Amino acid sequence: MILTSLFSHLLEKLLRALAYQCGSEVSVNELSSLLGVSRTLVESYLKLLEQAFIIFPLNSYSSNKRNELKKSVKYYFWDNGIRNSIINDFSPIAQRNDVGALWENYLVSERLKKNAYTGADGLPYFWRNTDQMEVDYIEVCGDKIQAFEFKWNVQKKSRITKAFTNKYPQAVLTTITSENYDDFLG
């Protein structure tokens, strides 16, 4: 009984930490410290949550450039409703301060579902360099790279960093907003 309660408490704390870090890089060492358990235990819990189709990892992309992050990972939820439940926030979207994270989680998870359903070949990643320049989502298929920036607010200016376009001039760049997301997910 005590072991079950401890497992349940740790799992809940881990899920809450992941929910608040949605769309951001996640450090297993940081999670380990936060939970007060070993890195190995955190990794096994993450694997369990992946196998239960609650979360999924998105790894960073690098073509062996010295200033690109190579081993970073972000975790997303397969369902935003689960994330909202974990943090107990069901406020209307206009009243939320995490709308960017919700939007990014929605687009990444739905794109992966669509790609699995259609059998698309592109491998999913995010990109970031050591100067903290980032691209929200990329798909790599052979030597073709599609890069996507996600903006909930259509009025907000979107720009894909020159650090990315200089390294990958062949990449096709697209901004996804509430006005064109159907094409991205369709």
Protein backbone atom coordinates (compact mmCIF):
# COMPACT_ATOMS: atom_id res chain seq x y z
CA MET A 1 0.00 0.00 0.00
CA ILE A 2 2.77 2.46 0.93
CA LEU A 3 4.73 1.53 -2.21
CA THR A 4 1.65 2.11 -4.39
CA SER A 5 1.08 5.49 -2.75
CA LEU A 6 4.73 6.49 -3.28
CA PHE A 7 4.63 5.37 -6.92
CA SER A 8 1.42 7.31 -7.46
CA HIS A 9 2.80 10.46 -5.81
CA LEU A 10 6.04 10.38 -7.83
CA LEU A 11 4.16 9.76 -11.06
CA GLU A 12 1.84 12.67 -10.35
CA LYS A 13 4.77 15.00 -9.60
CA LEU A 14 6.56 13.87 -12.77
CA LEU A 15 3.46 14.44 -14.91
CA ARG A 16 2.93 17.88 -13.40
CA ALA A 17 6.55 18.84 -14.08
CA LEU A 18 6.23 17.64 -17.69
CA ALA A 19 2.94 19.52 -18.10
CA TYR A 20 4.54 22.79 -17.00
CA GLN A 21 7.56 22.19 -19.23
CA CYS A 22 5.52 21.29 -22.30
CA GLY A 23 7.20 22.70 -25.40
CA SER A 24 10.46 23.26 -23.52
CA GLU A 25 13.55 21.13 -23.25
CA VAL A 26 13.42 18.63 -20.43
CA SER A 27 16.41 17.61 -18.34
CA VAL A 28 16.16 14.15 -16.80
CA ASN A 29 18.75 15.22 -14.22
CA GLU A 30 16.59 18.20 -13.26
CA LEU A 31 13.51 15.98 -12.97
CA SER A 32 15.51 13.54 -10.86
CA SER A 33 16.53 16.32 -8.50
CA LEU A 34 13.00 17.72 -8.33
CA LEU A 35 11.52 14.32 -7.49
CA GLY A 36 14.35 13.26 -5.21
CA VAL A 37 14.85 9.96 -7.02
CA SER A 38 17.50 8.49 -9.29
CA ARG A 39 17.88 9.40 -12.93
CA THR A 40 17.29 5.73 -13.77
CA LEU A 41 13.93 5.76 -12.00
CA VAL A 42 12.87 8.94 -13.83
CA GLU A 43 13.88 7.39 -17.16
CA SER A 44 11.85 4.26 -16.38
CA TYR A 45 8.80 6.38 -15.46
CA LEU A 46 9.16 8.37 -18.68
CA LYS A 47 9.33 5.12 -20.65
CA LEU A 48 6.23 3.85 -18.84
CA LEU A 49 4.33 7.05 -19.67
CA GLU A 50 5.41 6.72 -23.32
CA GLN A 51 4.26 3.10 -23.45
CA ALA A 52 0.91 4.12 -21.98
CA PHE A 53 0.55 6.72 -24.79
CA ILE A 54 0.36 9.64 -22.38
CA ILE A 55 3.53 11.45 -23.48
CA PHE A 56 6.02 11.24 -26.31
CA PRO A 57 9.53 12.63 -26.80
CA LEU A 58 10.66 14.95 -29.57
CA ASN A 59 14.42 14.90 -30.02
CA SER A 60 16.62 17.71 -31.22
CA TYR A 61 17.99 17.68 -34.75
CA SER A 62 21.65 18.14 -35.49
CA SER A 63 23.81 17.49 -38.49
CA ASN A 64 26.92 17.43 -36.31
CA LYS A 65 27.30 21.20 -36.21
CA ARG A 66 29.35 22.22 -33.21
CA ASN A 67 26.86 24.77 -31.90
CA GLU A 68 23.69 22.68 -32.28
CA LEU A 69 22.10 20.80 -29.42
CA LYS A 70 22.40 17.08 -30.10
CA LYS A 71 20.93 15.22 -27.13
CA SER A 72 18.12 17.51 -26.01
CA VAL A 73 14.53 16.32 -25.78
CA LYS A 74 11.11 17.85 -25.34
CA TYR A 75 8.11 15.91 -24.08
CA TYR A 76 4.58 16.46 -25.31
CA PHE A 77 1.24 14.99 -24.32
CA TRP A 78 -0.76 12.98 -26.84
CA ASP A 79 -3.83 14.79 -25.54
CA ASN A 80 -4.00 18.39 -24.30
CA GLY A 81 -6.96 17.42 -22.12
CA ILE A 82 -4.73 15.14 -20.06
CA ARG A 83 -2.22 17.96 -19.68
CA ASN A 84 -4.97 20.38 -18.63
CA SER A 85 -6.28 17.85 -16.12
CA ILE A 86 -2.86 17.34 -14.57
CA ILE A 87 -2.44 21.07 -13.94
CA ASN A 88 -6.17 21.49 -13.21
CA ASP A 89 -6.65 24.31 -15.71
CA PHE A 90 -9.69 24.21 -17.96
CA SER A 91 -9.94 27.97 -18.49
CA PRO A 92 -11.02 29.28 -21.88
CA ILE A 93 -8.11 29.75 -24.26
CA ALA A 94 -8.40 33.56 -24.13
CA GLN A 95 -7.76 33.48 -20.37
CA ARG A 96 -4.74 31.17 -20.44
CA ASN A 97 -1.13 32.19 -20.05
CA ASP A 98 0.08 28.89 -21.53
CA VAL A 99 -1.66 29.21 -24.90
CA GLY A 100 1.66 28.97 -26.77
CA ALA A 101 2.51 25.65 -25.10
CA LEU A 102 -1.02 24.33 -25.70
CA TRP A 103 -0.89 25.36 -29.37
CA GLU A 104 2.53 23.79 -29.90
CA ASN A 105 1.52 20.58 -28.11
CA TYR A 106 -1.66 20.34 -30.17
CA LEU A 107 0.10 20.87 -33.50
CA VAL A 108 3.00 18.50 -32.81
CA SER A 109 0.80 15.69 -31.46
CA GLU A 110 -1.78 15.97 -34.22
CA ARG A 111 0.91 16.14 -36.92
CA LEU A 112 2.51 12.95 -35.57
CA LYS A 113 -0.89 11.23 -35.50
CA LYS A 114 -1.57 12.35 -39.09
CA ASN A 115 1.86 11.19 -40.27
CA ALA A 116 1.40 7.79 -38.61
CA TYR A 117 -2.04 7.41 -40.19
CA THR A 118 -0.86 8.36 -43.69
CA GLY A 119 2.49 6.55 -43.47
CA ALA A 120 4.50 9.74 -44.03
CA ASP A 121 8.26 9.19 -44.05
CA GLY A 122 9.50 12.42 -42.43
CA LEU A 123 11.31 12.11 -39.11
CA PRO A 124 10.15 14.66 -36.50
CA TYR A 125 12.50 16.90 -34.51
CA PHE A 126 12.88 20.34 -33.04
CA TRP A 127 16.03 22.41 -33.58
CA ARG A 128 17.99 24.60 -31.21
CA ASN A 129 21.53 25.87 -31.08
CA THR A 130 23.74 26.83 -28.16
CA ASP A 131 22.71 30.50 -28.60
CA GLN A 132 19.11 29.46 -27.78
CA MET A 133 17.87 30.04 -31.33
CA GLU A 134 15.07 27.57 -32.02
CA VAL A 135 12.72 26.14 -34.63
CA ASP A 136 9.58 24.64 -33.08
CA TYR A 137 9.26 21.60 -35.34
CA ILE A 138 11.06 20.12 -38.32
CA GLU A 139 10.57 17.06 -40.46
CA VAL A 140 13.49 15.46 -42.21
CA CYS A 141 12.99 13.11 -45.13
CA GLY A 142 16.28 12.17 -46.73
CA ASP A 143 17.97 15.45 -47.61
CA LYS A 144 14.70 17.42 -47.50
CA ILE A 145 13.96 19.52 -44.43
CA GLN A 146 10.66 21.21 -43.65
CA ALA A 147 10.79 23.72 -40.80
CA PHE A 148 7.73 25.02 -38.96
CA GLU A 149 7.20 27.86 -36.51
CA PHE A 150 3.96 27.81 -34.52
CA LYS A 151 2.19 31.08 -33.67
CA TRP A 152 -1.19 31.14 -31.96
CA ASN A 153 -1.49 34.92 -32.39
CA VAL A 154 -1.72 35.66 -36.11
CA GLN A 155 -0.64 39.25 -35.43
CA LYS A 156 2.59 38.14 -33.77
CA LYS A 157 5.52 38.34 -36.11
CA SER A 158 7.09 35.00 -36.91
CA ARG A 159 10.64 34.57 -37.98
CA ILE A 160 12.73 31.52 -38.43
CA THR A 161 16.17 32.30 -37.16
CA LYS A 162 18.98 33.04 -39.59
CA ALA A 163 21.12 30.62 -37.58
CA PHE A 164 18.90 27.83 -38.91
CA THR A 165 18.51 29.10 -42.49
CA ASN A 166 22.26 29.69 -42.81
CA LYS A 167 22.98 26.07 -41.81
CA TYR A 168 20.08 24.59 -43.78
CA PRO A 169 19.46 26.84 -46.80
CA GLN A 170 17.56 24.03 -48.56
CA ALA A 171 14.91 23.91 -45.81
CA VAL A 172 11.33 24.86 -46.65
CA LEU A 173 10.10 27.29 -43.98
CA THR A 174 6.45 27.68 -42.95
CA THR A 175 4.68 29.50 -40.15
CA ILE A 176 1.61 27.69 -38.83
CA THR A 177 -1.18 29.81 -37.34
CA SER A 178 -4.85 29.40 -36.55
CA GLU A 179 -5.54 30.52 -40.12
CA ASN A 180 -3.54 27.83 -41.94
CA TYR A 181 -3.18 24.91 -39.53
CA ASP A 182 -5.69 22.81 -41.52
CA ASP A 183 -3.08 22.50 -44.29
CA PHE A 184 -0.48 21.35 -41.75
CA LEU A 185 -2.79 18.75 -40.23
CA GLY A 186 -4.89 17.93 -43.30
